[in-house]
């Protein structure tokens, strides 16, 4: 398992979706922002609560990601419904 945060905070607005089968094996959910996908995980929130809802999420970029050609991984710390 990779360490948690690079310390770089990020705020993203969009619709959270449940992660299905992917070519990369990290994250439990995803969100698209500015035409770019982001993989999401959270050790403090149940992201299933927000699936298919428009939200603003806050978190930190996880060190060691993205893997080549794959989305960045965000450790989500807060989700606000839009």
N, C-alpha and C. Protein backbone atom coordinates (compact mmCIF):
# COMPACT_ATOMS: atom_id res chain seq x y z
N UNK A 1 0.85 -1.19 0.00
CA UNK A 1 0.00 0.00 0.00
C UNK A 1 0.88 1.24 0.00
N UNK A 2 0.48 2.22 -0.77
CA UNK A 2 1.26 3.44 -0.86
C UNK A 2 0.87 4.40 0.26
N UNK A 3 1.77 5.32 0.57
CA UNK A 3 1.49 6.29 1.63
C UNK A 3 0.34 7.20 1.22
N UNK A 4 -0.26 7.85 2.18
CA UNK A 4 -1.49 8.57 1.93
C UNK A 4 -1.33 9.82 1.07
N UNK A 5 -0.79 10.89 1.55
CA UNK A 5 -0.94 12.14 0.82
C UNK A 5 0.38 12.78 0.44
N UNK A 6 0.35 13.50 -0.66
CA UNK A 6 1.49 14.30 -1.05
C UNK A 6 1.40 15.64 -0.35
N UNK A 7 0.25 15.88 0.29
CA UNK A 7 0.02 17.17 0.92
C UNK A 7 -0.66 18.14 -0.01
N UNK A 8 -0.79 17.76 -1.28
CA UNK A 8 -1.44 18.65 -2.24
C UNK A 8 -2.95 18.47 -2.15
N UNK A 9 -3.63 19.50 -1.68
CA UNK A 9 -5.09 19.45 -1.55
C UNK A 9 -5.72 19.66 -2.91
N UNK A 10 -6.90 19.08 -3.07
CA UNK A 10 -7.63 19.21 -4.33
C UNK A 10 -9.12 19.28 -4.03
N UNK A 11 -9.83 20.06 -4.82
CA UNK A 11 -11.28 20.17 -4.72
C UNK A 11 -11.83 19.90 -6.11
N UNK A 12 -12.78 18.97 -6.20
CA UNK A 12 -13.32 18.54 -7.49
C UNK A 12 -14.85 18.55 -7.43
N UNK A 13 -15.48 19.06 -8.49
CA UNK A 13 -16.93 19.02 -8.59
C UNK A 13 -17.31 18.07 -9.71
N UNK A 14 -18.30 17.22 -9.44
CA UNK A 14 -18.75 16.29 -10.47
C UNK A 14 -19.67 15.24 -9.88
N UNK A 15 -19.88 14.18 -10.64
CA UNK A 15 -20.75 13.08 -10.22
C UNK A 15 -19.89 11.87 -9.89
N UNK A 16 -20.04 11.36 -8.67
CA UNK A 16 -19.28 10.18 -8.24
C UNK A 16 -19.93 8.93 -8.81
N UNK A 17 -19.10 8.05 -9.36
CA UNK A 17 -19.58 6.77 -9.86
C UNK A 17 -18.82 5.64 -9.17
N UNK A 18 -19.49 4.50 -9.04
CA UNK A 18 -18.88 3.31 -8.46
C UNK A 18 -17.89 2.75 -9.47
N UNK A 19 -16.72 2.39 -9.00
CA UNK A 19 -15.68 1.85 -9.89
C UNK A 19 -16.06 0.43 -10.27
N UNK A 20 -16.08 0.17 -11.56
CA UNK A 20 -16.32 -1.18 -12.04
C UNK A 20 -14.97 -1.83 -12.34
N UNK A 21 -14.96 -2.71 -13.30
CA UNK A 21 -13.71 -3.33 -13.73
C UNK A 21 -12.87 -2.28 -14.47
N UNK A 22 -11.61 -2.19 -14.11
CA UNK A 22 -10.72 -1.23 -14.76
C UNK A 22 -9.40 -1.92 -15.10
N UNK A 23 -8.62 -1.26 -15.92
CA UNK A 23 -7.30 -1.78 -16.25
C UNK A 23 -6.30 -1.47 -15.13
N UNK A 24 -6.68 -0.56 -14.25
CA UNK A 24 -5.86 -0.26 -13.07
C UNK A 24 -6.62 -0.76 -11.84
N UNK A 25 -5.92 -1.08 -10.80
CA UNK A 25 -6.54 -1.74 -9.65
C UNK A 25 -6.44 -0.89 -8.38
N UNK A 26 -6.80 0.38 -8.49
CA UNK A 26 -6.81 1.22 -7.29
C UNK A 26 -8.03 2.13 -7.31
N UNK A 27 -8.46 2.52 -6.12
CA UNK A 27 -9.65 3.34 -5.99
C UNK A 27 -10.91 2.49 -5.92
N UNK A 28 -11.94 3.05 -5.30
CA UNK A 28 -13.22 2.36 -5.18
C UNK A 28 -14.30 3.05 -6.00
N UNK A 29 -14.08 4.33 -6.29
CA UNK A 29 -15.04 5.15 -7.02
C UNK A 29 -14.26 6.05 -7.97
N UNK A 30 -14.99 6.75 -8.83
CA UNK A 30 -14.32 7.68 -9.73
C UNK A 30 -15.19 8.92 -9.92
N UNK A 31 -14.54 9.96 -10.45
CA UNK A 31 -15.24 11.21 -10.76
C UNK A 31 -14.51 11.83 -11.95
N UNK A 32 -15.25 12.47 -12.84
CA UNK A 32 -14.65 13.18 -13.96
C UNK A 32 -14.74 14.67 -13.68
N UNK A 33 -13.65 15.36 -13.95
CA UNK A 33 -13.59 16.80 -13.74
C UNK A 33 -12.74 17.40 -14.85
N UNK A 34 -13.28 18.40 -15.54
CA UNK A 34 -12.57 19.07 -16.63
C UNK A 34 -12.09 18.06 -17.68
N UNK A 35 -12.93 17.06 -17.95
CA UNK A 35 -12.61 16.06 -18.95
C UNK A 35 -11.56 15.05 -18.54
N UNK A 36 -11.23 15.02 -17.26
CA UNK A 36 -10.17 14.13 -16.76
C UNK A 36 -10.73 13.23 -15.65
N UNK A 37 -10.49 11.92 -15.74
CA UNK A 37 -10.97 11.03 -14.68
C UNK A 37 -10.03 11.04 -13.47
N UNK A 38 -10.61 10.87 -12.30
CA UNK A 38 -9.86 10.73 -11.05
C UNK A 38 -10.37 9.49 -10.34
N UNK A 39 -9.46 8.67 -9.82
CA UNK A 39 -9.84 7.53 -8.98
C UNK A 39 -9.97 8.04 -7.55
N UNK A 40 -10.95 7.52 -6.82
CA UNK A 40 -11.21 7.97 -5.46
C UNK A 40 -11.14 6.82 -4.47
N UNK A 41 -10.75 7.15 -3.25
CA UNK A 41 -10.86 6.23 -2.12
C UNK A 41 -11.06 7.10 -0.89
N UNK A 42 -11.57 6.50 0.19
CA UNK A 42 -11.71 7.24 1.43
C UNK A 42 -11.66 6.27 2.60
N UNK A 43 -10.84 6.61 3.58
CA UNK A 43 -10.78 5.79 4.79
C UNK A 43 -11.74 6.32 5.85
N UNK A 44 -12.35 7.49 5.60
CA UNK A 44 -13.23 8.09 6.61
C UNK A 44 -14.68 8.25 6.17
N UNK A 45 -14.96 8.11 4.88
CA UNK A 45 -16.33 8.29 4.37
C UNK A 45 -16.78 7.08 3.57
N UNK A 46 -18.09 6.84 3.56
CA UNK A 46 -18.67 5.80 2.71
C UNK A 46 -19.07 6.47 1.40
N UNK A 47 -18.23 6.33 0.39
CA UNK A 47 -18.48 7.00 -0.89
C UNK A 47 -19.71 6.45 -1.60
N UNK A 48 -20.16 5.25 -1.25
CA UNK A 48 -21.38 4.69 -1.85
C UNK A 48 -22.58 5.61 -1.61
N UNK A 49 -22.56 6.36 -0.51
CA UNK A 49 -23.64 7.29 -0.17
C UNK A 49 -23.84 8.34 -1.25
N UNK A 50 -22.78 8.65 -2.00
CA UNK A 50 -22.80 9.76 -2.95
C UNK A 50 -22.81 9.32 -4.42
N UNK A 51 -22.95 8.03 -4.68
CA UNK A 51 -22.94 7.53 -6.06
C UNK A 51 -24.09 8.15 -6.85
N UNK A 52 -23.76 8.60 -8.07
CA UNK A 52 -24.71 9.22 -9.00
C UNK A 52 -25.28 10.54 -8.50
N UNK A 53 -24.57 11.18 -7.57
CA UNK A 53 -25.00 12.49 -7.07
C UNK A 53 -23.95 13.54 -7.46
N UNK A 54 -24.43 14.74 -7.71
CA UNK A 54 -23.55 15.86 -8.03
C UNK A 54 -22.98 16.40 -6.72
N UNK A 55 -21.67 16.42 -6.60
CA UNK A 55 -21.02 16.80 -5.34
C UNK A 55 -19.80 17.68 -5.60
N UNK A 56 -19.32 18.28 -4.51
CA UNK A 56 -18.00 18.88 -4.48
C UNK A 56 -17.24 18.08 -3.42
N UNK A 57 -16.11 17.51 -3.81
CA UNK A 57 -15.35 16.73 -2.84
C UNK A 57 -14.00 17.39 -2.61
N UNK A 58 -13.50 17.18 -1.41
CA UNK A 58 -12.18 17.70 -1.06
C UNK A 58 -11.34 16.53 -0.58
N UNK A 59 -10.06 16.58 -0.92
CA UNK A 59 -9.17 15.52 -0.50
C UNK A 59 -7.74 15.87 -0.83
N UNK A 60 -6.89 14.87 -0.79
CA UNK A 60 -5.47 15.06 -1.09
C UNK A 60 -5.04 14.02 -2.11
N UNK A 61 -4.11 14.43 -2.97
CA UNK A 61 -3.56 13.52 -3.96
C UNK A 61 -2.68 12.50 -3.24
N UNK A 62 -2.81 11.23 -3.60
CA UNK A 62 -2.04 10.16 -2.97
C UNK A 62 -0.67 10.05 -3.65
N UNK A 63 0.36 10.02 -2.84
CA UNK A 63 1.73 9.92 -3.33
C UNK A 63 1.93 8.64 -4.13
N UNK A 64 2.66 8.73 -5.24
CA UNK A 64 2.95 7.55 -6.06
C UNK A 64 1.99 7.34 -7.20
N UNK A 65 0.96 8.17 -7.29
CA UNK A 65 -0.03 8.08 -8.36
C UNK A 65 -0.02 9.38 -9.13
N UNK A 66 -0.39 9.43 -10.37
CA UNK A 66 -0.97 8.32 -11.12
C UNK A 66 0.10 7.36 -11.63
N UNK A 67 -0.33 6.13 -11.85
CA UNK A 67 0.51 5.17 -12.54
C UNK A 67 0.46 5.55 -14.02
N UNK A 68 1.41 5.12 -14.77
CA UNK A 68 1.55 5.55 -16.17
C UNK A 68 0.25 5.43 -16.97
N UNK A 69 -0.20 6.58 -17.46
CA UNK A 69 -1.40 6.61 -18.30
C UNK A 69 -2.70 6.38 -17.56
N UNK A 70 -2.67 6.40 -16.26
CA UNK A 70 -3.86 6.13 -15.44
C UNK A 70 -4.27 7.39 -14.68
N UNK A 71 -5.46 7.38 -14.07
CA UNK A 71 -5.91 8.57 -13.34
C UNK A 71 -5.18 8.77 -12.00
N UNK A 72 -5.19 10.02 -11.55
CA UNK A 72 -4.66 10.32 -10.23
C UNK A 72 -5.58 9.69 -9.19
N UNK A 73 -5.02 9.37 -8.02
CA UNK A 73 -5.79 8.80 -6.92
C UNK A 73 -5.95 9.87 -5.84
N UNK A 74 -7.19 10.08 -5.42
CA UNK A 74 -7.52 11.08 -4.41
C UNK A 74 -8.03 10.38 -3.15
N UNK A 75 -7.46 10.73 -1.99
CA UNK A 75 -7.97 10.30 -0.69
C UNK A 75 -9.00 11.36 -0.28
N UNK A 76 -10.27 10.99 -0.32
CA UNK A 76 -11.36 11.94 -0.08
C UNK A 76 -11.58 12.13 1.41
N UNK A 77 -11.63 13.40 1.84
CA UNK A 77 -11.84 13.70 3.26
C UNK A 77 -13.18 14.38 3.53
N UNK A 78 -13.78 14.95 2.48
CA UNK A 78 -15.05 15.67 2.66
C UNK A 78 -15.84 15.65 1.37
N UNK A 79 -17.17 15.47 1.48
CA UNK A 79 -18.05 15.52 0.31
C UNK A 79 -19.24 16.39 0.66
N UNK A 80 -19.55 17.34 -0.22
CA UNK A 80 -20.70 18.22 -0.03
C UNK A 80 -21.62 18.07 -1.22
N UNK A 81 -22.91 17.83 -0.96
CA UNK A 81 -23.89 17.69 -2.04
C UNK A 81 -24.12 19.04 -2.68
N UNK A 82 -24.27 19.05 -4.00
CA UNK A 82 -24.55 20.29 -4.74
C UNK A 82 -26.04 20.49 -4.88
